[in-house]
Amino acid sequence: MKAQLSLEILLVLGLIFVFLVPILFYFFYQYGVVSNKISQQYSLQWIENFNKLIENVYYSGPGSLTITDTALPTSVNSIEIKHNQGSYLIYRFQDGTEIVSYFPMDIQLSGTNWRKISNTKLKIENKNGTIVISLA
């Protein structure tokens, strides 16, 4: 009688684990997928807003500036500038991908190593047609 009861308990627990473990693995997998999509969407929105700030300062004319309290998205690994008939802002992500934004004006990043800056205030200033981005 005791052996039968313990065997039934083991069978019931075994069946529970057979169904529960795959469900939990699937749940955590889906959680990771959704989390990555949200992080990617936030990064794309941040880049779009940052590019609009740069354009707004440029088109406002020399002497204009804006200070933004921003947090570089965690998925963005670094920001780099390349010049060739304008400026290319290159946003590098942790997974190795890049987003390149082209601007017809000259842009300079000054005052810091633009790799993995954290929550900070950024100053975007138009100095005689050149956009200078620095820590505020």
Protein backbone atom coordinates (compact mmCIF):
# COMPACT_ATOMS: atom_id res chain seq x y z
CA MET A 1 0.00 0.00 0.00
CA LYS A 2 2.77 2.46 0.93
CA ALA A 3 4.77 1.52 -2.15
CA GLN A 4 1.77 2.05 -4.41
CA LEU A 5 1.10 5.48 -2.87
CA SER A 6 4.70 6.62 -3.25
CA LEU A 7 4.77 5.30 -6.83
CA GLU A 8 1.59 7.24 -7.67
CA ILE A 9 3.02 10.40 -6.12
CA LEU A 10 6.21 10.00 -8.14
CA LEU A 11 4.22 9.47 -11.33
CA VAL A 12 2.08 12.54 -10.70
CA LEU A 13 5.15 14.68 -9.92
CA GLY A 14 6.90 13.30 -12.99
CA LEU A 15 3.97 14.21 -15.21
CA ILE A 16 3.85 17.69 -13.72
CA PHE A 17 7.54 18.23 -14.41
CA VAL A 18 7.26 16.80 -17.93
CA PHE A 19 4.67 19.46 -18.77
CA LEU A 20 5.86 22.27 -16.50
CA VAL A 21 9.54 22.40 -17.46
CA PRO A 22 8.96 22.88 -21.23
CA ILE A 23 6.29 25.49 -20.52
CA LEU A 24 8.71 27.40 -18.28
CA PHE A 25 11.50 27.20 -20.86
CA TYR A 26 9.13 28.49 -23.54
CA PHE A 27 7.98 31.32 -21.27
CA PHE A 28 11.53 32.48 -20.54
CA TYR A 29 12.47 32.20 -24.22
CA GLN A 30 9.52 34.37 -25.25
CA TYR A 31 10.35 36.83 -22.47
CA GLY A 32 13.86 37.20 -23.90
CA VAL A 33 12.54 37.72 -27.43
CA VAL A 34 10.07 40.39 -26.34
CA SER A 35 12.68 42.08 -24.15
CA ASN A 36 15.11 42.29 -27.08
CA LYS A 37 12.43 43.75 -29.37
CA ILE A 38 11.54 46.41 -26.80
CA SER A 39 15.20 47.30 -26.32
CA GLN A 40 15.70 47.54 -30.07
CA GLN A 41 12.62 49.75 -30.53
CA TYR A 42 13.78 52.05 -27.71
CA SER A 43 17.22 52.35 -29.33
CA LEU A 44 15.74 53.20 -32.72
CA GLN A 45 13.43 55.82 -31.18
CA TRP A 46 16.34 57.33 -29.22
CA ILE A 47 18.48 57.57 -32.39
CA GLU A 48 15.62 59.18 -34.31
CA ASN A 49 15.02 61.76 -31.56
CA PHE A 50 18.75 62.50 -31.25
CA ASN A 51 19.03 63.04 -35.02
CA LYS A 52 16.04 65.41 -34.93
CA LEU A 53 17.70 67.42 -32.14
CA ILE A 54 20.84 67.78 -34.24
CA GLU A 55 18.83 68.93 -37.27
CA ASN A 56 16.76 71.38 -35.19
CA VAL A 57 19.88 73.03 -33.77
CA TYR A 58 21.48 73.24 -37.21
CA TYR A 59 18.45 74.78 -38.89
CA SER A 60 17.99 77.25 -36.02
CA GLY A 61 21.20 78.96 -37.14
CA PRO A 62 24.59 79.81 -35.63
CA GLY A 63 24.63 80.34 -31.90
CA SER A 64 21.68 78.08 -31.19
CA LEU A 65 22.03 75.26 -28.73
CA THR A 66 20.02 72.72 -26.81
CA ILE A 67 20.80 70.68 -23.73
CA THR A 68 19.15 67.31 -23.43
CA ASP A 69 19.06 65.02 -20.43
CA THR A 70 19.45 61.66 -22.09
CA ALA A 71 20.40 58.08 -21.41
CA LEU A 72 22.28 56.28 -24.13
CA PRO A 73 20.41 53.03 -24.74
CA THR A 74 22.14 50.01 -23.26
CA SER A 75 22.19 48.26 -26.62
CA VAL A 76 24.19 51.11 -28.23
CA ASN A 77 27.87 50.35 -27.73
CA SER A 78 29.41 53.49 -29.24
CA ILE A 79 28.87 56.56 -31.42
CA GLU A 80 31.38 57.56 -34.07
CA ILE A 81 31.64 60.31 -36.70
CA LYS A 82 33.04 60.03 -40.21
CA HIS A 83 33.33 62.98 -42.58
CA ASN A 84 32.84 62.78 -46.33
CA GLN A 85 30.88 65.61 -47.98
CA GLY A 86 28.92 65.96 -44.75
CA SER A 87 28.94 63.84 -41.64
CA TYR A 88 28.00 60.25 -40.95
CA LEU A 89 26.97 59.43 -37.39
CA ILE A 90 27.58 55.73 -36.81
CA TYR A 91 25.73 54.08 -33.94
CA ARG A 92 27.27 50.69 -33.11
CA PHE A 93 25.23 48.11 -31.23
CA GLN A 94 26.40 45.36 -28.91
CA ASP A 95 25.35 42.67 -31.37
CA GLY A 96 27.73 44.11 -34.00
CA THR A 97 25.13 45.89 -36.14
CA GLU A 98 25.34 49.56 -37.04
CA ILE A 99 22.96 52.36 -37.93
CA VAL A 100 24.42 55.14 -40.04
CA SER A 101 22.77 58.58 -40.20
CA TYR A 102 23.87 61.10 -42.83
CA PHE A 103 23.87 64.86 -42.20
CA PRO A 104 24.81 67.48 -44.82
CA MET A 105 26.53 69.61 -42.16
CA ASP A 106 29.79 69.15 -40.27
CA ILE A 107 29.36 67.46 -36.87
CA GLN A 108 31.98 67.11 -34.15
CA LEU A 109 31.90 64.97 -31.02
CA SER A 110 34.04 66.58 -28.36
CA GLY A 111 35.03 66.19 -24.77
CA THR A 112 34.61 62.48 -24.10
CA ASN A 113 35.19 58.98 -25.25
CA TRP A 114 31.89 58.26 -26.96
CA ARG A 115 31.92 54.62 -25.99
CA LYS A 116 29.30 53.64 -23.47
CA ILE A 117 28.40 57.01 -21.96
CA SER A 118 25.77 56.65 -19.27
CA ASN A 119 22.94 58.91 -18.10
CA THR A 120 24.15 62.38 -18.82
CA LYS A 121 23.29 65.77 -20.22
CA LEU A 122 24.39 66.44 -23.76
CA LYS A 123 24.89 69.89 -25.24
CA ILE A 124 24.24 70.23 -28.97
CA GLU A 125 25.50 73.59 -30.24
CA ASN A 126 25.67 75.29 -33.64
CA LYS A 127 29.04 77.04 -33.92
CA ASN A 128 29.02 78.88 -37.26
CA GLY A 129 27.37 76.00 -39.11
CA THR A 130 29.30 73.23 -37.36
CA ILE A 131 27.35 71.14 -34.88
CA VAL A 132 29.37 70.39 -31.74
CA ILE A 133 28.07 67.68 -29.41
CA SER A 134 29.60 67.54 -25.96
CA LEU A 135 28.78 66.72 -22.36
CA ALA A 136 26.97 69.57 -20.64
